[in-house]
Amino acid sequence: MDIECPRCGQARQQPFYGPCAQCRADLRARLGSDPQTDGPATPRYEPKMNVTPNQVATKD
């Protein structure tokens, strides 16, 4: 089925609607990086511990 690529506007033979193979390869080359390795060096989120020990558990 001929579908027009929403990115480049050329009619391409593809089974589903979306960017053509050339546009997908270009997008992966530009934007397809691993967010864990390319992101800024920020520390991982650690939830705050709002729990106090139970009195029975701390009994000697």
N, C-alpha and C. Protein backbone atom coordinates (compact mmCIF):
# COMPACT_ATOMS: atom_id res chain seq x y z
N MET A 1 0.85 -1.16 0.00
CA MET A 1 0.00 0.00 0.00
C MET A 1 0.90 1.24 0.00
N ASP A 2 0.62 2.17 -0.89
CA ASP A 2 1.38 3.42 -0.94
C ASP A 2 0.86 4.37 0.13
N ILE A 3 1.75 4.75 1.02
CA ILE A 3 1.42 5.66 2.11
C ILE A 3 2.39 6.83 2.05
N GLU A 4 1.86 8.03 2.25
CA GLU A 4 2.71 9.22 2.24
C GLU A 4 3.39 9.36 3.59
N CYS A 5 4.70 9.51 3.57
CA CYS A 5 5.48 9.67 4.79
C CYS A 5 5.13 11.02 5.43
N PRO A 6 4.77 11.03 6.71
CA PRO A 6 4.41 12.30 7.35
C PRO A 6 5.61 13.22 7.57
N ARG A 7 6.80 12.70 7.44
CA ARG A 7 8.00 13.50 7.69
C ARG A 7 8.55 14.13 6.41
N CYS A 8 8.76 13.30 5.38
CA CYS A 8 9.35 13.83 4.14
C CYS A 8 8.31 14.08 3.05
N GLY A 9 7.12 13.49 3.17
CA GLY A 9 6.05 13.74 2.22
C GLY A 9 6.09 12.90 0.96
N GLN A 10 7.00 11.94 0.86
CA GLN A 10 7.08 11.10 -0.32
C GLN A 10 6.21 9.87 -0.13
N ALA A 11 5.59 9.42 -1.24
CA ALA A 11 4.76 8.21 -1.19
C ALA A 11 5.69 7.00 -1.19
N ARG A 12 5.50 6.12 -0.23
CA ARG A 12 6.35 4.93 -0.10
C ARG A 12 5.48 3.70 0.04
N GLN A 13 6.02 2.57 -0.32
CA GLN A 13 5.35 1.29 -0.16
C GLN A 13 5.68 0.76 1.23
N GLN A 14 4.72 0.80 2.15
CA GLN A 14 4.94 0.31 3.50
C GLN A 14 3.63 -0.22 4.07
N PRO A 15 3.72 -1.17 4.99
CA PRO A 15 2.50 -1.81 5.51
C PRO A 15 1.72 -0.95 6.50
N PHE A 16 2.38 -0.02 7.20
CA PHE A 16 1.72 0.77 8.24
C PHE A 16 2.01 2.25 8.03
N TYR A 17 1.13 3.09 8.58
CA TYR A 17 1.33 4.54 8.51
C TYR A 17 2.44 4.94 9.47
N GLY A 18 3.31 5.82 9.04
CA GLY A 18 4.39 6.32 9.88
C GLY A 18 5.54 6.75 9.00
N PRO A 19 6.64 7.15 9.61
CA PRO A 19 7.81 7.57 8.83
C PRO A 19 8.34 6.43 7.96
N CYS A 20 8.86 6.79 6.80
CA CYS A 20 9.44 5.78 5.90
C CYS A 20 10.75 5.25 6.49
N ALA A 21 11.30 4.24 5.86
CA ALA A 21 12.52 3.59 6.37
C ALA A 21 13.69 4.57 6.43
N GLN A 22 13.81 5.44 5.42
CA GLN A 22 14.90 6.43 5.43
C GLN A 22 14.74 7.41 6.58
N CYS A 23 13.52 7.87 6.80
CA CYS A 23 13.27 8.83 7.89
C CYS A 23 13.48 8.16 9.25
N ARG A 24 13.06 6.90 9.38
CA ARG A 24 13.28 6.18 10.64
C ARG A 24 14.76 6.03 10.94
N ALA A 25 15.54 5.69 9.92
CA ALA A 25 16.98 5.55 10.11
C ALA A 25 17.60 6.89 10.49
N ASP A 26 17.15 7.97 9.85
CA ASP A 26 17.66 9.30 10.18
C ASP A 26 17.29 9.69 11.61
N LEU A 27 16.05 9.42 12.01
CA LEU A 27 15.62 9.75 13.37
C LEU A 27 16.39 8.94 14.41
N ARG A 28 16.62 7.67 14.12
CA ARG A 28 17.39 6.84 15.06
C ARG A 28 18.83 7.34 15.18
N ALA A 29 19.40 7.77 14.06
CA ALA A 29 20.78 8.28 14.09
C ALA A 29 20.86 9.58 14.89
N ARG A 30 19.84 10.42 14.76
CA ARG A 30 19.86 11.71 15.46
C ARG A 30 19.40 11.60 16.91
N LEU A 31 18.28 10.92 17.13
CA LEU A 31 17.64 10.95 18.44
C LEU A 31 17.67 9.63 19.18
N GLY A 32 18.01 8.56 18.53
CA GLY A 32 17.90 7.23 19.12
C GLY A 32 19.06 6.87 20.01
N SER A 33 19.32 7.65 21.02
CA SER A 33 20.41 7.33 21.93
C SER A 33 19.84 6.80 23.23
N ASP A 34 20.66 6.15 24.01
CA ASP A 34 20.25 5.59 25.28
C ASP A 34 20.15 6.72 26.31
N PRO A 35 18.97 6.97 26.88
CA PRO A 35 18.84 8.08 27.82
C PRO A 35 19.63 7.88 29.11
N GLN A 36 19.96 6.66 29.45
CA GLN A 36 20.72 6.41 30.67
C GLN A 36 22.18 6.84 30.52
N THR A 37 22.74 6.75 29.32
CA THR A 37 24.15 7.07 29.13
C THR A 37 24.37 8.49 28.62
N ASP A 38 23.42 9.05 27.86
CA ASP A 38 23.62 10.36 27.27
C ASP A 38 23.10 11.50 28.13
N GLY A 39 22.32 11.21 29.13
CA GLY A 39 21.72 12.26 29.95
C GLY A 39 22.74 12.94 30.84
N PRO A 40 22.33 14.03 31.48
CA PRO A 40 23.24 14.71 32.40
C PRO A 40 23.54 13.82 33.61
N ALA A 41 24.63 14.10 34.26
CA ALA A 41 25.06 13.27 35.39
C ALA A 41 24.27 13.64 36.64
N THR A 42 23.02 13.24 36.67
CA THR A 42 22.18 13.50 37.84
C THR A 42 22.06 12.22 38.66
N PRO A 43 22.00 12.35 39.96
CA PRO A 43 21.86 11.14 40.78
C PRO A 43 20.49 10.51 40.58
N ARG A 44 20.43 9.22 40.78
CA ARG A 44 19.16 8.51 40.67
C ARG A 44 18.23 8.92 41.79
N TYR A 45 16.93 8.86 41.54
CA TYR A 45 15.93 9.21 42.54
C TYR A 45 15.90 8.15 43.63
N GLU A 46 16.04 8.57 44.86
CA GLU A 46 15.93 7.68 46.01
C GLU A 46 14.79 8.20 46.87
N PRO A 47 13.75 7.40 47.09
CA PRO A 47 12.62 7.88 47.88
C PRO A 47 13.03 8.17 49.32
N LYS A 48 12.37 9.15 49.90
CA LYS A 48 12.65 9.55 51.27
C LYS A 48 12.04 8.52 52.22
N MET A 49 12.75 8.20 53.28
CA MET A 49 12.27 7.22 54.25
C MET A 49 11.56 7.95 55.38
N ASN A 50 10.24 7.86 55.42
CA ASN A 50 9.44 8.55 56.43
C ASN A 50 8.90 7.57 57.47
N VAL A 51 9.63 6.53 57.77
CA VAL A 51 9.16 5.50 58.68
C VAL A 51 10.00 5.54 59.95
N THR A 52 9.35 5.53 61.08
CA THR A 52 10.06 5.45 62.36
C THR A 52 9.97 4.02 62.86
N PRO A 53 10.98 3.53 63.54
CA PRO A 53 10.95 2.15 64.02
C PRO A 53 9.84 1.95 65.06
N ASN A 54 9.29 0.77 65.05
CA ASN A 54 8.26 0.38 66.00
C ASN A 54 8.90 0.23 67.39
N GLN A 55 8.23 0.67 68.42
CA GLN A 55 8.77 0.60 69.77
C GLN A 55 9.01 -0.85 70.20
N VAL A 56 8.13 -1.76 69.81
CA VAL A 56 8.30 -3.17 70.17
C VAL A 56 9.52 -3.75 69.47
N ALA A 57 9.78 -3.34 68.25
CA ALA A 57 10.91 -3.87 67.49
C ALA A 57 12.24 -3.39 68.06
N THR A 58 12.27 -2.22 68.69
CA THR A 58 13.52 -1.70 69.23
C THR A 58 13.72 -2.05 70.70
N LYS A 59 12.81 -2.81 71.28
CA LYS A 59 12.89 -3.18 72.70
C LYS A 59 14.04 -4.16 72.91
N ASP A 60 14.87 -3.95 73.92
CA ASP A 60 16.01 -4.85 74.21
C ASP A 60 15.58 -6.06 74.97
